[in-house]
Amino acid sequence: MPALDGQSGPVSQESTATDLVDIVETREQADRLDIPPLLIRESLSRVLPGAGPVEIERVRAGHSNLTFFVSRGGERWVLRRPPRPPFPPKAHDVLREHRLISALYETGVPVPRAVMACHDESVIGAPFYLMERLDGLVVRRELPPEMDTPEQARAAAEALVDALVSLHAVDVSAGPLSKLGRPSGYLKRQVDLWSRQWQVNKTREIPAIVQVGGRLATSIPESGTPAIVHGDFKLDNVIFDPGPPARVAGVLDWEMATLGDPMADVGYLAAMWLGHDGPASLLLGLSLATGSRNFPPIEELLERYSERSGRSLEQLPWYRCLAIWKLAILLEGSRKRHLAGTTDDPFFASLDEGIPRLAEYAEQLADGI
């Protein structure tokens, strides 16, 4: 999910590298393109709330579902839509994401307010939804000055952990959130699913991916009380009100959320926190700000999670290994779209060597489970 604070500026509607056009004005212009655009302004303006000209800005951050700032009159929204195909069946289900944040908004978990969903693919060529655009900061490469002190950085890190505790405490025994997934057997399904997904995503052979999958499959921990699993919970998938003290204004990027073992989120957060034992070069530049000296060590944050959630961290190494293994497989699918010429995200140029390094890192982690 991209920064919602203006850190990412406007981008060209046309990529000179691949001649992919992001935004066109009319359906007729869209029909003349070999590869369809991402948005059609005229069609979109007919279904959006309000009246007047529609302003659109693509935000290039996050590398899965696509995000745009959209405004009309005094209203400002964030639009989410799937990437261009090809992608796996059931992946990039933005309407499911819309249903989820709509239900979570009523629980007190900090999420943006959902505004509308559009099932009609004829409008822009894919389903999409709108949510409110939150004011605040998304922290990626470095801490912004207003948060770059030991006190503020600690407040932000603790608020991040507390948001995860809050999410994992949501009652999923009844109501719409109970239909989000089947928690029983979640970990086995994850290993099986991503092992199959490797066969779909792979563009080359990486033996470590197969070896780690086998190791995970034969050492699955016993899950505790089920909860909502975000699936991509890390520093740069939340938006902060910088305070002081810093607080989480909204948790973003819900496309991978389901019901299951909440320790999967904890393992992922730990794996993505620099200064643990995952060097920045292995994490492909993701969540680089977590390497700040002003942030507390990840061990302190994990202890805070355990104390406030009542959950044991005994099997954490397994969950950290799962996180890096899944990330490598997911990014290989992104590389596949890049090689097919259906995305112009410059991040994907780093994946040729980056994914094998991630697989090797997962293999090192597997030795400790």
Protein backbone atom coordinates (compact mmCIF):
# COMPACT_ATOMS: atom_id res chain seq x y z
CA MET A 1 0.00 0.00 0.00
CA PRO A 2 1.45 3.37 -0.95
CA ALA A 3 2.11 6.37 1.21
CA LEU A 4 -1.01 8.42 1.73
CA ASP A 5 0.86 11.53 2.77
CA GLY A 6 1.96 13.01 -0.53
CA GLN A 7 5.43 11.45 -0.37
CA SER A 8 4.79 9.76 -3.70
CA GLY A 9 4.16 12.38 -6.36
CA PRO A 10 2.35 12.16 -9.70
CA VAL A 11 3.76 9.88 -12.33
CA SER A 12 3.61 9.82 -16.06
CA GLN A 13 0.52 8.19 -17.47
CA GLU A 14 2.67 6.40 -20.01
CA SER A 15 5.73 4.27 -19.41
CA THR A 16 8.47 4.86 -21.96
CA ALA A 17 9.97 1.47 -21.07
CA THR A 18 6.96 -0.67 -21.90
CA ASP A 19 4.45 1.77 -23.44
CA LEU A 20 1.87 0.85 -20.82
CA VAL A 21 -0.78 3.54 -20.50
CA ASP A 22 -2.20 3.99 -17.01
CA ILE A 23 -5.07 6.42 -17.59
CA VAL A 24 -7.13 7.29 -20.66
CA GLU A 25 -10.02 9.71 -21.03
CA THR A 26 -12.56 7.62 -22.98
CA ARG A 27 -13.59 4.05 -23.72
CA GLU A 28 -12.69 4.61 -27.37
CA GLN A 29 -9.10 5.42 -26.41
CA ALA A 30 -8.96 2.30 -24.24
CA ASP A 31 -10.21 0.10 -27.09
CA ARG A 32 -7.38 1.27 -29.36
CA LEU A 33 -4.67 0.03 -26.99
CA ASP A 34 -3.04 -3.39 -27.30
CA ILE A 35 -2.77 -3.63 -23.50
CA PRO A 36 -5.74 -2.16 -21.59
CA PRO A 37 -5.28 0.90 -19.38
CA LEU A 38 -5.81 0.89 -15.63
CA LEU A 39 -8.44 3.64 -15.44
CA ILE A 40 -10.89 5.30 -17.85
CA ARG A 41 -11.67 8.76 -16.53
CA GLU A 42 -14.97 9.26 -18.39
CA SER A 43 -16.41 5.91 -17.24
CA LEU A 44 -15.15 6.36 -13.70
CA SER A 45 -16.70 9.82 -13.38
CA ARG A 46 -20.16 8.36 -14.06
CA VAL A 47 -20.08 6.08 -10.99
CA LEU A 48 -18.17 8.16 -8.44
CA PRO A 49 -20.00 10.12 -5.75
CA GLY A 50 -20.48 13.84 -6.28
CA ALA A 51 -20.16 16.00 -9.37
CA GLY A 52 -17.46 17.88 -11.23
CA PRO A 53 -14.08 17.00 -12.76
CA VAL A 54 -12.32 13.88 -11.51
CA GLU A 55 -8.63 14.19 -10.70
CA ILE A 56 -6.54 11.00 -10.67
CA GLU A 57 -2.98 10.35 -9.52
CA ARG A 58 -1.30 6.95 -9.64
CA VAL A 59 0.71 6.15 -6.54
CA ARG A 60 3.74 3.97 -7.14
CA ALA A 61 4.36 2.19 -3.89
CA GLY A 62 3.27 -1.30 -2.96
CA HIS A 63 3.63 -3.92 -5.64
CA SER A 64 0.39 -5.89 -5.77
CA ASN A 65 -3.08 -4.34 -5.98
CA LEU A 66 -2.82 -0.92 -7.60
CA THR A 67 -3.61 2.32 -5.84
CA PHE A 68 -4.68 5.76 -7.05
CA PHE A 69 -5.54 9.02 -5.36
CA VAL A 70 -8.88 10.22 -6.71
CA SER A 71 -10.57 13.51 -5.94
CA ARG A 72 -13.74 15.29 -6.96
CA GLY A 73 -14.74 18.63 -5.56
CA GLY A 74 -13.72 18.64 -1.93
CA GLU A 75 -13.73 14.84 -1.60
CA ARG A 76 -10.49 12.82 -1.58
CA TRP A 77 -10.39 9.04 -1.87
CA VAL A 78 -8.05 6.12 -2.44
CA LEU A 79 -9.01 3.75 -5.27
CA ARG A 80 -7.83 0.14 -5.26
CA ARG A 81 -7.98 -2.18 -8.27
CA PRO A 82 -6.18 -5.39 -9.33
CA PRO A 83 -3.03 -5.26 -11.47
CA ARG A 84 -3.19 -6.21 -15.10
CA PRO A 85 -3.36 -9.98 -15.59
CA PRO A 86 -2.02 -12.61 -15.60
CA PHE A 87 -2.39 -13.44 -11.92
CA PRO A 88 -3.54 -16.53 -10.03
CA PRO A 89 -7.24 -17.35 -9.58
CA LYS A 90 -8.72 -15.69 -6.45
CA ALA A 91 -5.70 -13.39 -6.14
CA HIS A 92 -6.11 -9.62 -5.98
CA ASP A 93 -9.76 -9.78 -4.90
CA VAL A 94 -10.31 -6.11 -4.14
CA LEU A 95 -14.02 -6.56 -3.45
CA ARG A 96 -13.21 -9.00 -0.67
CA GLU A 97 -10.77 -6.40 0.68
CA HIS A 98 -13.63 -3.86 0.63
CA ARG A 99 -15.94 -6.19 2.56
CA LEU A 100 -13.24 -6.84 5.13
CA ILE A 101 -12.39 -3.23 5.93
CA SER A 102 -16.11 -2.41 6.03
CA ALA A 103 -16.59 -5.01 8.78
CA LEU A 104 -13.36 -4.14 10.61
CA TYR A 105 -14.27 -0.45 10.72
CA GLU A 106 -17.02 -1.35 13.21
CA THR A 107 -14.60 -3.14 15.58
CA GLY A 108 -12.30 -0.27 16.50
CA VAL A 109 -9.31 -1.70 14.60
CA PRO A 110 -7.81 1.34 12.83
CA VAL A 111 -8.75 1.03 9.15
CA PRO A 112 -9.84 3.56 6.52
CA ARG A 113 -13.59 3.94 6.04
CA ALA A 114 -14.88 2.13 2.93
CA VAL A 115 -16.79 4.47 0.59
CA MET A 116 -18.04 2.35 -2.33
CA ALA A 117 -17.38 -0.81 -4.31
CA CYS A 118 -17.93 -1.38 -8.04
CA HIS A 119 -18.44 -4.93 -9.30
CA ASP A 120 -19.01 -3.85 -12.91
CA GLU A 121 -15.78 -4.57 -14.78
CA SER A 122 -16.99 -2.61 -17.81
CA VAL A 123 -16.40 0.67 -15.95
CA ILE A 124 -12.58 0.57 -15.83
CA GLY A 125 -11.84 -2.99 -16.95
CA ALA A 126 -11.71 -4.50 -13.45
CA PRO A 127 -13.62 -4.33 -10.17
CA PHE A 128 -12.50 -1.61 -7.77
CA TYR A 129 -13.36 0.11 -4.54
CA LEU A 130 -12.93 3.48 -2.88
CA MET A 131 -11.91 4.20 0.70
CA GLU A 132 -11.27 7.42 2.53
CA ARG A 133 -7.86 8.99 2.14
CA LEU A 134 -6.30 9.28 5.58
CA ASP A 135 -3.98 12.10 6.54
CA GLY A 136 -0.72 10.96 8.02
CA LEU A 137 2.62 9.33 7.26
CA VAL A 138 3.62 6.00 5.78
CA VAL A 139 7.17 5.19 6.91
CA ARG A 140 9.36 3.33 4.42
CA ARG A 141 12.98 4.13 3.75
CA GLU A 142 13.64 6.33 6.77
CA LEU A 143 11.88 7.89 9.72
CA PRO A 144 10.48 11.36 8.97
CA PRO A 145 11.99 14.11 11.14
CA GLU A 146 8.92 14.44 13.35
CA MET A 147 9.21 10.77 14.32
CA ASP A 148 13.00 10.43 14.35
CA THR A 149 13.63 10.57 18.09
CA PRO A 150 13.93 7.64 20.52
CA GLU A 151 10.67 8.63 22.22
CA GLN A 152 8.63 9.05 19.04
CA ALA A 153 10.13 6.02 17.29
CA ARG A 154 9.37 3.86 20.33
CA ALA A 155 5.82 5.22 20.46
CA ALA A 156 5.34 4.38 16.77
CA ALA A 157 6.77 0.87 17.12
CA GLU A 158 4.67 0.14 20.21
CA ALA A 159 1.57 1.53 18.49
CA LEU A 160 2.28 -0.82 15.57
CA VAL A 161 2.42 -3.82 17.92
CA ASP A 162 -0.68 -2.69 19.78
CA ALA A 163 -2.60 -2.43 16.49
CA LEU A 164 -1.65 -6.04 15.77
CA VAL A 165 -2.77 -7.12 19.24
CA SER A 166 -6.06 -5.28 18.66
CA LEU A 167 -6.58 -7.02 15.33
CA HIS A 168 -5.87 -10.46 16.78
CA ALA A 169 -8.32 -9.79 19.63
CA VAL A 170 -11.32 -9.22 17.31
CA ASP A 171 -14.11 -11.72 17.90
CA VAL A 172 -14.40 -13.89 14.77
CA SER A 173 -16.86 -16.41 16.19
CA ALA A 174 -19.90 -14.76 14.57
CA GLY A 175 -20.92 -12.04 12.12
CA PRO A 176 -19.42 -11.20 8.72
CA LEU A 177 -15.83 -11.65 9.88
CA SER A 178 -16.51 -15.29 10.80
CA LYS A 179 -16.94 -15.97 7.05
CA LEU A 180 -13.50 -14.64 6.16
CA GLY A 181 -11.94 -18.10 6.06
CA ARG A 182 -11.58 -21.53 7.69
CA PRO A 183 -9.13 -21.27 10.58
CA SER A 184 -8.82 -25.02 11.11
CA GLY A 185 -5.81 -26.36 9.22
CA TYR A 186 -4.69 -22.86 8.23
CA LEU A 187 -0.95 -23.51 8.43
CA LYS A 188 -1.07 -26.72 6.41
CA ARG A 189 -3.19 -24.99 3.78
CA GLN A 190 -0.70 -22.13 3.65
CA VAL A 191 2.22 -24.46 3.01
CA ASP A 192 0.25 -26.46 0.44
CA LEU A 193 -1.12 -23.35 -1.26
CA TRP A 194 2.21 -21.59 -1.62
CA SER A 195 3.93 -24.78 -2.73
CA ARG A 196 1.37 -25.01 -5.55
CA GLN A 197 1.69 -21.29 -6.18
CA TRP A 198 5.39 -21.70 -6.75
CA GLN A 199 4.62 -24.00 -9.68
CA VAL A 200 2.35 -21.30 -11.13
CA ASN A 201 4.62 -18.33 -10.43
CA LYS A 202 8.09 -19.65 -11.15
CA THR A 203 10.05 -18.32 -14.08
CA ARG A 204 13.16 -20.39 -13.29
CA GLU A 205 14.20 -23.21 -10.96
CA ILE A 206 15.19 -22.18 -7.42
CA PRO A 207 15.82 -25.43 -5.48
CA ALA A 208 15.83 -23.69 -2.08
CA ILE A 209 12.13 -22.80 -2.51
CA VAL A 210 11.22 -26.48 -2.89
CA GLN A 211 13.50 -27.58 -0.06
CA VAL A 212 12.14 -25.02 2.41
CA GLY A 213 8.57 -25.93 1.48
CA GLY A 214 9.28 -29.54 2.35
CA ARG A 215 10.88 -28.58 5.66
CA LEU A 216 7.92 -26.40 6.62
CA ALA A 217 5.44 -29.14 5.69
CA THR A 218 7.04 -31.65 8.06
CA SER A 219 7.27 -29.33 11.09
CA ILE A 220 3.95 -27.48 11.25
CA PRO A 221 3.27 -26.10 14.76
CA GLU A 222 -0.03 -26.55 16.56
CA SER A 223 -2.09 -23.36 16.23
CA GLY A 224 -3.72 -21.60 19.17
CA THR A 225 -6.90 -19.53 19.22
CA PRO A 226 -7.76 -18.42 15.68
CA ALA A 227 -7.89 -14.75 14.69
CA ILE A 228 -7.84 -12.47 11.69
CA VAL A 229 -4.47 -12.82 9.96
CA HIS A 230 -3.54 -9.68 8.03
CA GLY A 231 -0.98 -11.52 5.91
CA ASP A 232 1.31 -8.56 5.18
CA PHE A 233 1.62 -6.75 8.51
CA LYS A 234 4.71 -4.54 8.55
CA LEU A 235 5.77 -0.97 9.27
CA ASP A 236 5.03 0.43 5.82
CA ASN A 237 1.54 -1.05 5.68
CA VAL A 238 0.21 1.32 8.31
CA ILE A 239 -0.35 5.06 8.25
CA PHE A 240 0.73 7.04 11.29
CA ASP A 241 -0.62 10.16 12.89
CA PRO A 242 2.85 11.35 13.97
CA GLY A 243 1.54 12.80 17.21
CA PRO A 244 3.17 13.21 19.61
CA PRO A 245 2.90 10.50 20.60
CA ALA A 246 2.84 8.71 17.26
CA ARG A 247 -0.23 6.50 16.79
CA VAL A 248 -1.60 4.23 14.06
CA ALA A 249 -4.31 6.03 12.09
CA GLY A 250 -5.00 3.11 9.78
CA VAL A 251 -3.79 -0.37 8.85
CA LEU A 252 -3.60 -0.81 5.06
CA ASP A 253 -3.27 -3.55 2.42
CA TRP A 254 -5.79 -6.20 3.45
CA GLU A 255 -5.82 -8.30 0.28
CA MET A 256 -4.17 -11.34 1.92
CA ALA A 257 -6.24 -11.30 5.13
CA THR A 258 -8.07 -14.41 6.30
CA LEU A 259 -8.86 -16.38 9.44
CA GLY A 260 -6.08 -18.52 10.81
CA ASP A 261 -3.07 -18.58 13.09
CA PRO A 262 -2.21 -15.01 14.18
CA MET A 263 1.41 -16.01 14.84
CA ALA A 264 1.86 -15.91 11.07
CA ASP A 265 1.56 -12.11 11.33
CA VAL A 266 4.01 -11.99 14.23
CA GLY A 267 6.55 -14.07 12.34
CA TYR A 268 6.20 -11.84 9.29
CA LEU A 269 6.62 -8.64 11.33
CA ALA A 270 9.75 -10.10 12.96
CA ALA A 271 11.18 -11.26 9.62
CA MET A 272 10.68 -7.84 8.06
CA TRP A 273 12.23 -5.89 10.96
CA LEU A 274 15.83 -4.94 10.17
CA GLY A 275 18.33 -5.31 12.95
CA HIS A 276 17.01 -8.78 13.82
CA ASP A 277 19.07 -10.87 11.43
CA GLY A 278 17.59 -10.04 8.05
CA PRO A 279 19.90 -7.60 6.28
CA ALA A 280 18.33 -4.98 4.05
CA SER A 281 19.90 -6.51 0.93
CA LEU A 282 17.91 -9.69 1.51
CA LEU A 283 14.63 -7.88 2.05
CA LEU A 284 14.90 -6.06 -1.28
CA GLY A 285 14.61 -2.62 0.26
CA LEU A 286 11.32 -3.36 2.05
CA SER A 287 10.65 -1.66 5.40
CA LEU A 288 14.12 -0.11 5.46
CA ALA A 289 13.14 2.41 8.14
CA THR A 290 12.97 -0.40 10.71
CA GLY A 291 16.77 -0.29 10.74
CA SER A 292 16.69 3.10 12.51
CA ARG A 293 18.72 3.24 15.72
CA ASN A 294 15.79 5.05 17.34
CA PHE A 295 13.50 2.02 17.04
CA PRO A 296 13.55 -0.46 19.92
CA PRO A 297 14.91 -3.96 19.19
CA ILE A 298 12.41 -6.39 17.71
CA GLU A 299 12.83 -8.61 20.79
CA GLU A 300 11.27 -5.89 22.94
CA LEU A 301 8.37 -5.51 20.54
CA LEU A 302 7.78 -9.26 20.43
CA GLU A 303 7.74 -9.36 24.21
CA ARG A 304 5.17 -6.56 24.24
CA TYR A 305 3.01 -8.52 21.80
CA SER A 306 3.23 -11.69 23.87
CA GLU A 307 2.41 -9.91 27.13
CA ARG A 308 -0.57 -8.03 25.68
CA SER A 309 -1.98 -10.88 23.60
CA GLY A 310 -1.22 -13.77 25.95
CA ARG A 311 0.23 -15.78 23.03
CA SER A 312 3.42 -17.83 23.22
CA LEU A 313 6.37 -17.07 20.95
CA GLU A 314 7.96 -20.50 21.35
CA GLN A 315 7.47 -21.51 17.72
CA LEU A 316 8.33 -18.11 16.24
CA PRO A 317 11.30 -19.38 14.12
CA TRP A 318 8.91 -21.54 12.06
CA TYR A 319 6.62 -18.58 11.37
CA ARG A 320 9.53 -16.35 10.39
CA CYS A 321 10.72 -18.96 7.91
CA LEU A 322 7.20 -19.26 6.47
CA ALA A 323 7.08 -15.47 6.02
CA ILE A 324 10.27 -15.19 3.97
CA TRP A 325 9.45 -18.30 1.91
CA LYS A 326 6.00 -16.94 1.01
CA LEU A 327 7.47 -13.54 0.18
CA ALA A 328 9.91 -15.09 -2.28
CA ILE A 329 7.10 -17.01 -4.02
CA LEU A 330 4.82 -13.97 -4.13
CA LEU A 331 7.52 -11.78 -5.64
CA GLU A 332 8.32 -14.42 -8.25
CA GLY A 333 4.73 -13.98 -9.46
CA SER A 334 5.37 -10.25 -9.72
CA ARG A 335 8.51 -10.96 -11.71
CA LYS A 336 6.48 -13.14 -14.04
CA ARG A 337 4.10 -10.24 -14.76
CA HIS A 338 7.12 -7.99 -15.28
CA LEU A 339 8.63 -10.40 -17.82
CA ALA A 340 5.26 -10.62 -19.58
CA GLY A 341 5.31 -6.84 -20.00
CA THR A 342 2.07 -6.22 -18.10
CA THR A 343 3.62 -4.08 -15.36
CA ASP A 344 6.08 -1.19 -15.45
CA ASP A 345 6.85 -1.13 -11.71
CA PRO A 346 10.62 -0.40 -11.49
CA PHE A 347 10.84 -2.40 -8.25
CA PHE A 348 10.54 -5.62 -10.22
CA ALA A 349 13.91 -5.06 -11.86
CA SER A 350 15.49 -5.97 -8.51
CA LEU A 351 13.88 -9.39 -8.41
CA ASP A 352 16.18 -11.28 -10.79
CA GLU A 353 18.79 -11.75 -8.07
CA GLY A 354 16.72 -10.69 -5.08
CA ILE A 355 14.34 -13.65 -5.06
CA PRO A 356 17.09 -16.31 -5.02
CA ARG A 357 18.68 -14.41 -2.10
CA LEU A 358 15.36 -14.47 -0.25
CA ALA A 359 15.11 -18.22 -0.89
CA GLU A 360 18.59 -18.72 0.55
CA TYR A 361 17.61 -16.66 3.61
CA ALA A 362 14.52 -18.84 4.07
CA GLU A 363 16.77 -21.90 3.86
CA GLN A 364 18.98 -20.49 6.64
CA LEU A 365 15.90 -19.87 8.78
CA ALA A 366 14.68 -23.42 8.11
CA ASP A 367 17.81 -24.77 9.80
CA GLY A 368 16.50 -23.32 13.07
CA ILE A 369 13.07 -24.96 13.09
